[in-house]
Amino acid sequence: MKDSLCDEEIHFPPYDANQLRNILKQRAEKAFRDGILDGDTIPLCSAFSAEESGSARQALKLLYKAGDLA
């Protein structure tokens, strides 16, 4: 997986679903009020992202979209 920051390329190994779930939980605690997200939202976002690319950025975009729709 390639990811970029400014003009430099930085290579990150793909995350698995558990790692992505932990990342999303940390972000969601700060971004959403209690009870806003359904209990399946974070596991689904992390599973979809892990299956497709393992990208934390993609998982965060999915979580953002879920929050936007909610």
N, C-alpha and C. Protein backbone atom coordinates (compact mmCIF):
# COMPACT_ATOMS: atom_id res chain seq x y z
N MET A 1 0.84 -1.18 0.00
CA MET A 1 0.00 0.00 0.00
C MET A 1 0.87 1.23 0.00
N LYS A 2 0.56 2.17 -0.85
CA LYS A 2 1.28 3.43 -0.89
C LYS A 2 0.39 4.53 -0.32
N ASP A 3 1.00 5.40 0.41
CA ASP A 3 0.31 6.56 0.93
C ASP A 3 1.28 7.72 0.77
N SER A 4 0.78 8.91 0.68
CA SER A 4 1.68 10.02 0.45
C SER A 4 1.47 11.12 1.48
N LEU A 5 2.53 11.81 1.74
CA LEU A 5 2.53 12.96 2.63
C LEU A 5 3.39 14.01 1.95
N CYS A 6 2.77 15.07 1.50
CA CYS A 6 3.46 16.13 0.77
C CYS A 6 4.14 15.54 -0.46
N ASP A 7 5.45 15.76 -0.58
CA ASP A 7 6.16 15.29 -1.76
C ASP A 7 6.85 13.94 -1.54
N GLU A 8 6.77 13.43 -0.34
CA GLU A 8 7.45 12.18 -0.04
C GLU A 8 6.45 11.03 0.03
N GLU A 9 6.85 9.89 -0.49
CA GLU A 9 6.03 8.70 -0.35
C GLU A 9 6.43 7.96 0.90
N ILE A 10 5.43 7.56 1.64
CA ILE A 10 5.66 6.77 2.85
C ILE A 10 4.90 5.47 2.68
N HIS A 11 5.55 4.36 2.90
CA HIS A 11 4.91 3.05 2.73
C HIS A 11 4.50 2.52 4.10
N PHE A 12 3.23 2.18 4.21
CA PHE A 12 2.69 1.61 5.44
C PHE A 12 2.24 0.19 5.14
N PRO A 13 2.56 -0.75 6.01
CA PRO A 13 1.99 -2.08 5.82
C PRO A 13 0.48 -2.02 6.06
N PRO A 14 -0.30 -2.84 5.39
CA PRO A 14 -1.75 -2.80 5.60
C PRO A 14 -2.10 -3.22 7.03
N TYR A 15 -3.10 -2.55 7.57
CA TYR A 15 -3.61 -2.90 8.89
C TYR A 15 -4.62 -4.03 8.76
N ASP A 16 -4.74 -4.84 9.80
CA ASP A 16 -5.81 -5.85 9.79
C ASP A 16 -7.04 -5.23 10.46
N ALA A 17 -8.16 -5.95 10.42
CA ALA A 17 -9.43 -5.42 10.91
C ALA A 17 -9.36 -5.05 12.39
N ASN A 18 -8.66 -5.82 13.20
CA ASN A 18 -8.56 -5.51 14.63
C ASN A 18 -7.79 -4.22 14.88
N GLN A 19 -6.70 -4.04 14.14
CA GLN A 19 -5.93 -2.81 14.29
C GLN A 19 -6.76 -1.60 13.86
N LEU A 20 -7.47 -1.74 12.74
CA LEU A 20 -8.31 -0.65 12.26
C LEU A 20 -9.44 -0.36 13.25
N ARG A 21 -10.01 -1.39 13.84
CA ARG A 21 -11.07 -1.20 14.82
C ARG A 21 -10.56 -0.38 16.00
N ASN A 22 -9.35 -0.66 16.46
CA ASN A 22 -8.77 0.10 17.58
C ASN A 22 -8.54 1.56 17.20
N ILE A 23 -8.06 1.78 15.99
CA ILE A 23 -7.84 3.15 15.51
C ILE A 23 -9.17 3.90 15.45
N LEU A 24 -10.18 3.26 14.88
CA LEU A 24 -11.48 3.92 14.75
C LEU A 24 -12.13 4.18 16.10
N LYS A 25 -11.98 3.25 17.04
CA LYS A 25 -12.55 3.46 18.38
C LYS A 25 -11.94 4.69 19.04
N GLN A 26 -10.63 4.85 18.92
CA GLN A 26 -9.96 6.00 19.50
C GLN A 26 -10.47 7.30 18.89
N ARG A 27 -10.62 7.32 17.58
CA ARG A 27 -11.10 8.53 16.90
C ARG A 27 -12.57 8.79 17.23
N ALA A 28 -13.37 7.74 17.26
CA ALA A 28 -14.81 7.89 17.49
C ALA A 28 -15.10 8.42 18.89
N GLU A 29 -14.28 8.04 19.87
CA GLU A 29 -14.48 8.53 21.23
C GLU A 29 -14.38 10.05 21.29
N LYS A 30 -13.54 10.63 20.45
CA LYS A 30 -13.36 12.08 20.45
C LYS A 30 -14.32 12.78 19.49
N ALA A 31 -14.77 12.05 18.47
CA ALA A 31 -15.54 12.68 17.40
C ALA A 31 -17.05 12.61 17.60
N PHE A 32 -17.53 11.60 18.31
CA PHE A 32 -18.97 11.38 18.42
C PHE A 32 -19.41 11.37 19.88
N ARG A 33 -20.61 11.82 20.10
CA ARG A 33 -21.20 11.72 21.44
C ARG A 33 -21.59 10.27 21.69
N ASP A 34 -21.69 9.91 22.96
CA ASP A 34 -22.10 8.55 23.33
C ASP A 34 -23.47 8.23 22.73
N GLY A 35 -23.61 7.02 22.21
CA GLY A 35 -24.88 6.56 21.70
C GLY A 35 -25.20 6.96 20.27
N ILE A 36 -24.32 7.70 19.63
CA ILE A 36 -24.57 8.15 18.26
C ILE A 36 -24.34 7.02 17.27
N LEU A 37 -23.25 6.29 17.43
CA LEU A 37 -22.92 5.21 16.50
C LEU A 37 -23.56 3.90 16.93
N ASP A 38 -24.10 3.19 15.97
CA ASP A 38 -24.59 1.84 16.21
C ASP A 38 -23.39 0.96 16.54
N GLY A 39 -23.59 -0.08 17.32
CA GLY A 39 -22.51 -0.96 17.72
C GLY A 39 -21.80 -1.67 16.58
N ASP A 40 -22.44 -1.76 15.43
CA ASP A 40 -21.82 -2.43 14.28
C ASP A 40 -21.05 -1.50 13.36
N THR A 41 -21.14 -0.20 13.58
CA THR A 41 -20.53 0.76 12.65
C THR A 41 -19.02 0.61 12.57
N ILE A 42 -18.34 0.64 13.70
CA ILE A 42 -16.88 0.56 13.69
C ILE A 42 -16.40 -0.80 13.19
N PRO A 43 -16.97 -1.92 13.66
CA PRO A 43 -16.53 -3.20 13.10
C PRO A 43 -16.74 -3.31 11.58
N LEU A 44 -17.85 -2.77 11.08
CA LEU A 44 -18.09 -2.83 9.63
C LEU A 44 -17.11 -1.96 8.86
N CYS A 45 -16.88 -0.75 9.33
CA CYS A 45 -15.92 0.13 8.65
C CYS A 45 -14.53 -0.49 8.64
N SER A 46 -14.12 -1.06 9.75
CA SER A 46 -12.79 -1.66 9.81
C SER A 46 -12.70 -2.93 8.96
N ALA A 47 -13.76 -3.73 8.94
CA ALA A 47 -13.74 -4.95 8.12
C ALA A 47 -13.70 -4.63 6.63
N PHE A 48 -14.53 -3.68 6.19
CA PHE A 48 -14.53 -3.30 4.78
C PHE A 48 -13.17 -2.75 4.36
N SER A 49 -12.61 -1.90 5.18
CA SER A 49 -11.32 -1.31 4.84
C SER A 49 -10.19 -2.35 4.86
N ALA A 50 -10.19 -3.24 5.84
CA ALA A 50 -9.16 -4.27 5.91
C ALA A 50 -9.23 -5.20 4.71
N GLU A 51 -10.44 -5.51 4.29
CA GLU A 51 -10.61 -6.42 3.15
C GLU A 51 -10.15 -5.76 1.85
N GLU A 52 -10.43 -4.47 1.71
CA GLU A 52 -10.10 -3.81 0.46
C GLU A 52 -8.64 -3.37 0.38
N SER A 53 -8.15 -2.70 1.44
CA SER A 53 -6.80 -2.14 1.32
C SER A 53 -5.98 -2.17 2.60
N GLY A 54 -6.63 -2.24 3.74
CA GLY A 54 -5.91 -2.17 5.01
C GLY A 54 -5.49 -0.75 5.36
N SER A 55 -6.10 0.23 4.71
CA SER A 55 -5.74 1.63 4.91
C SER A 55 -6.53 2.26 6.05
N ALA A 56 -5.82 2.85 6.99
CA ALA A 56 -6.48 3.57 8.08
C ALA A 56 -7.19 4.80 7.53
N ARG A 57 -6.61 5.42 6.53
CA ARG A 57 -7.25 6.59 5.93
C ARG A 57 -8.61 6.23 5.33
N GLN A 58 -8.67 5.10 4.64
CA GLN A 58 -9.94 4.66 4.06
C GLN A 58 -10.95 4.33 5.16
N ALA A 59 -10.50 3.67 6.21
CA ALA A 59 -11.40 3.34 7.32
C ALA A 59 -11.95 4.59 7.97
N LEU A 60 -11.11 5.61 8.13
CA LEU A 60 -11.57 6.87 8.72
C LEU A 60 -12.56 7.58 7.80
N LYS A 61 -12.35 7.48 6.49
CA LYS A 61 -13.30 8.08 5.55
C LYS A 61 -14.66 7.38 5.65
N LEU A 62 -14.65 6.07 5.79
CA LEU A 62 -15.90 5.33 5.95
C LEU A 62 -16.61 5.73 7.24
N LEU A 63 -15.85 5.84 8.31
CA LEU A 63 -16.44 6.25 9.59
C LEU A 63 -16.99 7.67 9.50
N TYR A 64 -16.27 8.55 8.83
CA TYR A 64 -16.74 9.93 8.64
C TYR A 64 -18.06 9.94 7.88
N LYS A 65 -18.13 9.16 6.81
CA LYS A 65 -19.34 9.09 6.00
C LYS A 65 -20.50 8.53 6.82
N ALA A 66 -20.23 7.51 7.62
CA ALA A 66 -21.28 6.94 8.48
C ALA A 66 -21.80 7.99 9.45
N GLY A 67 -20.89 8.76 10.04
CA GLY A 67 -21.30 9.82 10.95
C GLY A 67 -22.07 10.91 10.24
N ASP A 68 -21.65 11.23 9.04
CA ASP A 68 -22.34 12.25 8.25
C ASP A 68 -23.78 11.81 7.93
N LEU A 69 -23.95 10.55 7.59
CA LEU A 69 -25.28 10.03 7.28
C LEU A 69 -26.16 9.94 8.53
N ALA A 70 -25.53 9.66 9.66
CA ALA A 70 -26.29 9.57 10.91
C ALA A 70 -26.82 10.94 11.30
